[in-house]
N, C-alpha and C. Protein backbone atom coordinates (compact mmCIF):
# COMPACT_ATOMS: atom_id res chain seq x y z
N MET A 1 -2.71 -1.52 -13.35
CA MET A 1 -1.08 -1.20 -13.44
C MET A 1 -0.44 -1.14 -12.04
N GLU A 2 0.77 -1.98 -11.78
CA GLU A 2 1.31 -2.25 -10.56
C GLU A 2 2.24 -1.29 -10.27
N LYS A 3 2.54 -0.69 -9.22
CA LYS A 3 3.22 0.53 -8.87
C LYS A 3 3.79 0.02 -7.32
N THR A 4 4.97 0.98 -7.30
CA THR A 4 5.24 1.34 -5.71
C THR A 4 5.65 2.48 -5.52
N THR A 5 5.53 2.74 -3.82
CA THR A 5 6.01 3.95 -3.52
C THR A 5 6.98 3.57 -2.54
N LYS A 6 7.77 4.52 -2.07
CA LYS A 6 8.32 4.67 -0.78
C LYS A 6 7.66 5.01 0.20
N VAL A 7 7.85 4.06 1.35
CA VAL A 7 7.07 4.37 2.55
C VAL A 7 8.35 4.28 3.71
N LYS A 8 7.89 4.76 4.93
CA LYS A 8 8.84 4.85 5.97
C LYS A 8 8.56 3.33 6.86
N VAL A 9 9.62 3.22 7.47
CA VAL A 9 9.27 1.66 7.88
C VAL A 9 8.69 2.13 9.37
N ASP A 10 9.40 3.69 9.90
CA ASP A 10 8.76 3.73 10.94
C ASP A 10 8.30 5.50 10.66
N HIS A 11 6.80 5.97 10.78
CA HIS A 11 6.46 6.75 10.07
C HIS A 11 6.07 8.14 11.60
N TYR A 12 6.91 7.65 12.59
CA TYR A 12 6.89 8.44 13.82
C TYR A 12 8.57 8.97 14.45
N ASN A 13 9.09 8.13 13.47
CA ASN A 13 10.32 8.27 14.13
C ASN A 13 11.70 7.83 13.06
N ASN A 14 12.65 8.68 12.73
CA ASN A 14 13.47 8.89 11.62
C ASN A 14 14.37 7.49 12.01
N GLU A 15 14.57 7.29 12.99
CA GLU A 15 15.99 5.94 13.48
C GLU A 15 15.00 4.72 12.89
N VAL A 16 15.73 3.41 12.55
CA VAL A 16 15.15 2.44 12.63
C VAL A 16 16.07 1.12 13.59
N ASN A 17 15.23 1.05 14.51
CA ASN A 17 16.21 0.04 15.56
C ASN A 17 17.29 0.55 16.16
N GLY A 18 16.88 2.04 16.47
CA GLY A 18 18.22 2.71 16.97
C GLY A 18 19.16 3.44 16.13
N THR A 19 18.73 3.42 15.16
CA THR A 19 20.38 3.43 13.86
C THR A 19 19.68 4.55 13.10
N VAL A 20 20.07 5.68 12.96
CA VAL A 20 19.50 6.73 11.84
C VAL A 20 20.00 6.27 10.82
N ASN A 21 21.24 5.52 10.40
CA ASN A 21 21.56 5.36 9.18
C ASN A 21 21.02 4.01 8.35
N ALA A 22 19.98 3.17 9.34
CA ALA A 22 19.26 2.17 8.69
C ALA A 22 18.37 2.69 7.73
N THR A 23 18.27 1.58 7.11
CA THR A 23 17.37 1.56 5.92
C THR A 23 15.75 2.01 6.25
N THR A 24 15.34 3.48 6.12
CA THR A 24 14.03 3.69 7.09
C THR A 24 12.78 3.99 5.82
N THR A 25 13.02 3.65 4.58
CA THR A 25 11.84 3.63 3.89
C THR A 25 12.17 1.80 2.93
N PHE A 26 10.77 1.59 2.50
CA PHE A 26 10.61 0.38 1.74
C PHE A 26 9.86 0.40 0.50
N ASP A 27 9.83 0.07 -0.09
CA ASP A 27 9.38 0.06 -1.45
C ASP A 27 7.73 -0.54 -1.08
N LEU A 28 6.35 0.21 -1.06
CA LEU A 28 4.88 -0.51 -0.88
C LEU A 28 4.47 -0.79 -1.99
N ARG A 29 3.55 -1.95 -2.40
CA ARG A 29 3.32 -2.37 -3.75
C ARG A 29 1.89 -1.77 -3.88
N TYR A 30 1.55 -1.26 -5.14
CA TYR A 30 -0.08 -0.68 -5.01
C TYR A 30 -0.47 -1.35 -6.48
N LEU A 31 -1.67 -1.32 -6.67
CA LEU A 31 -2.43 -1.59 -7.48
C LEU A 31 -3.35 -0.42 -8.15
N VAL A 32 -3.06 0.00 -9.80
CA VAL A 32 -4.30 1.01 -10.02
C VAL A 32 -5.19 0.50 -11.30
N ASN A 33 -6.56 0.99 -11.16
CA ASN A 33 -7.24 0.55 -12.25
C ASN A 33 -7.94 1.63 -12.58
N ASP A 34 -7.82 2.24 -14.01
CA ASP A 34 -8.28 3.46 -14.33
C ASP A 34 -9.34 3.21 -15.41
N GLN A 35 -9.79 2.27 -15.48
CA GLN A 35 -10.54 1.90 -16.86
C GLN A 35 -11.89 2.50 -17.08
N TYR A 36 -12.19 2.96 -15.83
CA TYR A 36 -13.32 3.71 -16.29
C TYR A 36 -13.40 5.11 -15.54
N TYR A 37 -12.16 5.20 -15.07
CA TYR A 37 -12.27 6.88 -14.03
C TYR A 37 -12.35 7.96 -14.95
N ASP A 38 -13.21 8.82 -14.44
CA ASP A 38 -13.64 10.01 -15.13
C ASP A 38 -13.02 11.18 -14.13
N PRO A 39 -11.88 11.63 -14.56
CA PRO A 39 -11.22 12.64 -13.68
C PRO A 39 -11.81 13.64 -13.16
N SER A 40 -12.96 14.29 -14.03
CA SER A 40 -13.61 15.65 -13.86
C SER A 40 -14.39 15.22 -12.92
N GLN A 41 -14.78 13.68 -12.17
CA GLN A 41 -15.82 13.96 -10.96
C GLN A 41 -15.67 12.29 -10.50
N GLY A 42 -15.09 11.64 -11.23
CA GLY A 42 -14.97 10.58 -10.17
C GLY A 42 -14.25 10.33 -8.69
N PRO A 43 -14.79 9.51 -7.98
CA PRO A 43 -14.00 9.35 -6.60
C PRO A 43 -12.73 8.36 -6.95
N ILE A 44 -11.66 8.16 -5.80
CA ILE A 44 -11.06 7.35 -5.61
C ILE A 44 -11.56 5.82 -4.77
N LEU A 45 -11.66 5.03 -5.22
CA LEU A 45 -11.98 3.37 -4.55
C LEU A 45 -10.76 3.18 -4.04
N MET A 46 -10.94 3.11 -2.76
CA MET A 46 -9.13 2.32 -2.39
C MET A 46 -9.49 1.09 -1.50
N TYR A 47 -8.93 0.03 -1.96
CA TYR A 47 -8.79 -1.28 -0.73
C TYR A 47 -7.72 -1.29 -0.18
N THR A 48 -7.58 -1.36 0.94
CA THR A 48 -6.63 -1.60 1.77
C THR A 48 -6.14 -3.00 2.34
N GLY A 49 -5.25 -3.29 1.95
CA GLY A 49 -4.54 -4.68 1.67
C GLY A 49 -5.08 -5.57 2.91
N ASN A 50 -5.45 -6.66 2.90
CA ASN A 50 -4.99 -7.67 3.55
C ASN A 50 -3.83 -8.21 4.01
N GLU A 51 -3.82 -9.65 4.78
CA GLU A 51 -2.71 -9.97 4.92
C GLU A 51 -2.56 -10.89 3.95
N GLY A 52 -1.66 -10.57 3.16
CA GLY A 52 -1.75 -11.58 1.54
C GLY A 52 -1.09 -10.75 0.68
N ASP A 53 -0.99 -11.42 -0.39
CA ASP A 53 -0.64 -10.73 -1.67
C ASP A 53 -1.67 -10.17 -2.21
N ILE A 54 -1.53 -8.57 -2.58
CA ILE A 54 -2.30 -7.79 -3.29
C ILE A 54 -3.04 -8.16 -4.49
N TRP A 55 -2.42 -9.13 -5.27
CA TRP A 55 -3.09 -9.47 -6.81
C TRP A 55 -4.39 -10.59 -6.62
N ALA A 56 -4.01 -11.34 -5.01
CA ALA A 56 -5.27 -12.16 -4.92
C ALA A 56 -6.14 -11.70 -4.41
N PHE A 57 -6.29 -10.29 -3.96
CA PHE A 57 -7.61 -10.18 -3.51
C PHE A 57 -7.95 -9.09 -4.51
N TYR A 58 -7.41 -8.77 -5.64
CA TYR A 58 -7.80 -7.63 -6.85
C TYR A 58 -8.35 -8.60 -7.91
N ASN A 59 -7.90 -9.46 -7.83
CA ASN A 59 -8.35 -10.93 -8.96
C ASN A 59 -9.26 -11.22 -8.13
N ASN A 60 -10.39 -10.89 -7.07
CA ASN A 60 -11.46 -11.78 -6.71
C ASN A 60 -12.37 -10.31 -5.99
N SER A 61 -12.06 -9.50 -6.93
CA SER A 61 -12.88 -8.08 -6.32
C SER A 61 -13.68 -7.32 -7.69
N GLY A 62 -14.44 -8.00 -8.50
CA GLY A 62 -14.78 -7.90 -9.76
C GLY A 62 -16.12 -6.32 -9.25
N PHE A 63 -16.26 -6.68 -8.54
CA PHE A 63 -17.73 -6.10 -8.10
C PHE A 63 -16.93 -4.22 -8.02
N MET A 64 -16.06 -4.27 -7.51
CA MET A 64 -15.56 -3.35 -6.87
C MET A 64 -14.53 -2.41 -8.54
N THR A 65 -13.92 -3.49 -8.74
CA THR A 65 -13.17 -2.92 -9.95
C THR A 65 -14.17 -2.87 -11.24
N ASP A 66 -15.23 -3.48 -11.34
CA ASP A 66 -16.30 -3.80 -12.65
C ASP A 66 -17.61 -2.80 -12.29
N THR A 67 -18.12 -3.33 -11.53
CA THR A 67 -19.18 -2.45 -11.25
C THR A 67 -19.47 -1.42 -10.61
N LEU A 68 -18.70 -1.25 -9.49
CA LEU A 68 -18.84 0.07 -8.63
C LEU A 68 -17.65 0.98 -9.56
N ALA A 69 -16.75 0.92 -10.05
CA ALA A 69 -15.86 1.85 -10.76
C ALA A 69 -16.41 2.26 -12.21
N LYS A 70 -17.39 1.60 -12.74
CA LYS A 70 -17.92 1.78 -13.98
C LYS A 70 -19.08 2.83 -13.72
N LYS A 71 -20.39 2.29 -12.57
CA LYS A 71 -20.97 3.22 -12.16
C LYS A 71 -20.52 4.47 -11.82
N LEU A 72 -19.53 4.34 -11.00
CA LEU A 72 -19.29 6.35 -9.99
C LEU A 72 -18.05 6.85 -11.10
N GLY A 73 -17.30 5.98 -11.89
CA GLY A 73 -16.44 6.60 -12.90
C GLY A 73 -15.19 6.87 -12.11
N ALA A 74 -14.80 5.29 -11.29
CA ALA A 74 -13.96 5.92 -10.20
C ALA A 74 -12.84 5.63 -10.49
N LEU A 75 -11.71 5.77 -9.70
CA LEU A 75 -10.14 4.92 -9.82
C LEU A 75 -10.11 4.27 -8.88
N VAL A 76 -9.91 3.15 -9.05
CA VAL A 76 -9.66 1.89 -7.89
C VAL A 76 -8.27 1.78 -7.63
N VAL A 77 -7.81 1.97 -6.38
CA VAL A 77 -6.45 1.37 -5.92
C VAL A 77 -6.48 0.47 -4.83
N PHE A 78 -5.71 -0.82 -5.20
CA PHE A 78 -5.57 -1.35 -4.44
C PHE A 78 -3.88 -1.38 -3.31
N ALA A 79 -4.10 -1.01 -2.18
CA ALA A 79 -2.55 -0.94 -1.59
C ALA A 79 -2.43 -2.52 -0.56
N GLU A 80 -1.12 -3.04 -1.05
CA GLU A 80 -0.64 -3.82 -0.22
C GLU A 80 -0.62 -3.47 0.83
N HIS A 81 -0.75 -4.53 2.21
CA HIS A 81 -0.52 -4.25 3.48
C HIS A 81 0.64 -4.57 4.04
N ARG A 82 1.90 -4.01 4.35
CA ARG A 82 3.27 -4.21 4.73
C ARG A 82 3.52 -5.76 5.52
N TRP A 83 4.46 -6.15 5.40
CA TRP A 83 4.73 -7.63 5.56
C TRP A 83 4.08 -8.28 4.57
N TYR A 84 3.45 -8.13 3.68
CA TYR A 84 3.00 -9.28 3.21
C TYR A 84 3.13 -9.07 1.51
N GLY A 85 2.88 -10.10 0.47
CA GLY A 85 3.01 -9.69 -0.68
C GLY A 85 4.26 -9.76 -1.30
N THR A 86 5.14 -8.34 -1.54
CA THR A 86 6.25 -7.85 -1.58
C THR A 86 6.57 -6.95 -1.11
N SER A 87 5.91 -6.26 -0.48
CA SER A 87 5.96 -5.10 0.52
C SER A 87 6.72 -5.31 1.47
N TYR A 88 8.00 -6.12 1.77
CA TYR A 88 8.88 -6.23 3.02
C TYR A 88 9.83 -4.84 3.15
N PRO A 89 9.88 -4.23 4.26
CA PRO A 89 11.18 -3.92 4.30
C PRO A 89 12.51 -4.74 4.90
N PHE A 90 13.39 -4.07 5.01
CA PHE A 90 14.70 -4.89 5.47
C PHE A 90 15.25 -5.77 4.53
N GLY A 91 14.78 -5.92 3.34
CA GLY A 91 15.61 -6.50 2.54
C GLY A 91 14.61 -7.74 1.84
N GLY A 92 13.91 -8.01 2.89
CA GLY A 92 12.92 -9.34 2.59
C GLY A 92 11.57 -10.25 3.88
N GLU A 93 11.57 -11.18 3.47
CA GLU A 93 10.46 -11.64 4.35
C GLU A 93 11.15 -11.97 5.63
N ALA A 94 12.06 -12.75 5.27
CA ALA A 94 13.07 -13.21 6.91
C ALA A 94 13.57 -12.46 7.73
N GLU A 95 13.86 -11.33 6.94
CA GLU A 95 14.30 -10.08 7.84
C GLU A 95 13.11 -9.15 8.22
N ALA A 96 12.27 -9.34 7.71
CA ALA A 96 10.93 -8.26 8.24
C ALA A 96 10.44 -8.89 9.54
N LYS A 97 10.52 -10.23 9.38
CA LYS A 97 9.57 -11.16 10.32
C LYS A 97 10.52 -11.40 11.40
N GLN A 98 11.52 -10.82 11.71
CA GLN A 98 12.57 -11.25 12.80
C GLN A 98 12.12 -10.28 14.30
N ASN A 99 11.90 -11.16 15.04
CA ASN A 99 10.99 -10.18 16.04
C ASN A 99 11.65 -8.91 16.50
N ALA A 100 12.71 -8.28 16.46
CA ALA A 100 12.63 -6.78 16.60
C ALA A 100 12.31 -5.92 15.44
N ASN A 101 11.96 -6.59 14.39
CA ASN A 101 11.20 -5.91 13.27
C ASN A 101 9.96 -5.51 13.30
N LEU A 102 9.53 -6.69 13.79
CA LEU A 102 7.90 -6.79 14.22
C LEU A 102 7.19 -5.33 14.73
N LYS A 103 8.15 -5.15 15.58
CA LYS A 103 7.31 -3.64 16.34
C LYS A 103 7.11 -2.39 15.37
N TYR A 104 7.40 -2.44 13.81
CA TYR A 104 6.93 -1.68 12.73
C TYR A 104 5.64 -2.15 12.19
N LEU A 105 5.46 -3.85 12.67
CA LEU A 105 3.91 -3.79 12.01
C LEU A 105 3.04 -3.72 13.06
N THR A 106 2.26 -2.43 13.21
CA THR A 106 0.99 -2.20 13.82
C THR A 106 0.03 -1.01 12.73
N VAL A 107 -1.06 -1.16 13.19
CA VAL A 107 -2.12 -0.48 12.37
C VAL A 107 -2.03 0.98 12.00
N PRO A 108 -1.65 1.69 13.24
CA PRO A 108 -1.01 3.25 12.86
C PRO A 108 -0.03 3.00 11.85
N GLN A 109 0.81 2.37 11.57
CA GLN A 109 2.06 2.33 10.75
C GLN A 109 1.35 2.09 9.44
N VAL A 110 0.41 1.01 9.33
CA VAL A 110 0.14 0.63 7.93
C VAL A 110 -0.76 1.49 7.58
N LEU A 111 -1.74 2.34 8.37
CA LEU A 111 -2.93 3.29 8.27
C LEU A 111 -1.77 4.45 7.32
N TRP A 112 -0.74 4.95 8.11
CA TRP A 112 0.16 5.92 7.24
C TRP A 112 0.55 5.63 5.81
N ASP A 113 0.98 4.29 5.75
CA ASP A 113 1.33 3.62 4.66
C ASP A 113 0.32 3.92 3.47
N PHE A 114 -1.39 3.64 3.92
CA PHE A 114 -2.04 3.82 3.21
C PHE A 114 -2.35 5.08 2.69
N ILE A 115 -1.97 6.15 3.77
CA ILE A 115 -1.92 7.70 3.17
C ILE A 115 -1.20 8.21 2.48
N ASP A 116 0.20 7.34 2.58
CA ASP A 116 0.96 7.94 1.67
C ASP A 116 0.68 7.69 0.45
N VAL A 117 -0.10 6.34 -0.05
CA VAL A 117 -0.22 5.86 -1.08
C VAL A 117 -1.43 6.72 -1.80
N ILE A 118 -2.21 7.25 -0.66
CA ILE A 118 -3.46 8.01 -1.05
C ILE A 118 -2.65 9.59 -1.95
N GLU A 119 -1.61 10.40 -1.30
CA GLU A 119 -1.03 11.23 -1.44
C GLU A 119 -0.29 11.14 -3.33
N VAL A 120 0.00 9.67 -3.22
CA VAL A 120 1.05 9.65 -4.38
C VAL A 120 -0.15 9.86 -5.39
N ILE A 121 -1.23 9.24 -5.24
CA ILE A 121 -2.74 8.97 -6.14
C ILE A 121 -2.72 9.98 -6.88
N LYS A 122 -3.06 11.29 -5.40
CA LYS A 122 -3.30 12.45 -6.04
C LYS A 122 -2.89 13.43 -6.72
N THR A 123 -1.29 12.97 -6.44
CA THR A 123 -0.21 14.28 -7.07
C THR A 123 -0.07 13.30 -8.55
N ASP A 124 -0.36 12.04 -8.88
CA ASP A 124 -0.54 11.45 -9.88
C ASP A 124 -1.71 11.62 -10.80
């Protein structure tokens, strides 16, 4: 099942490019497979997205989605990496890839995105 959640463009500051009124969040896409999930004991297996559309990685991960999930009774989550697939801030790919906006494409920002996805999954 494909879903999105709002994440901050900058997890460390409420301003974006020096403007408080700028778009400070964007939709981060993630996929959830609960086919084998046992909520009483199953873990969450999370695939953290690579530099591309999340469906490409999901469609090539049968070991995780079928074998491991079935064996462990796991919920499987694939979170898309910011700036890839459809998870672009600033309105789209062209705007996101402008030099002034690339400062938000960092490992710490991406890790916070994934923490946000996990928090949403755990509350759902």
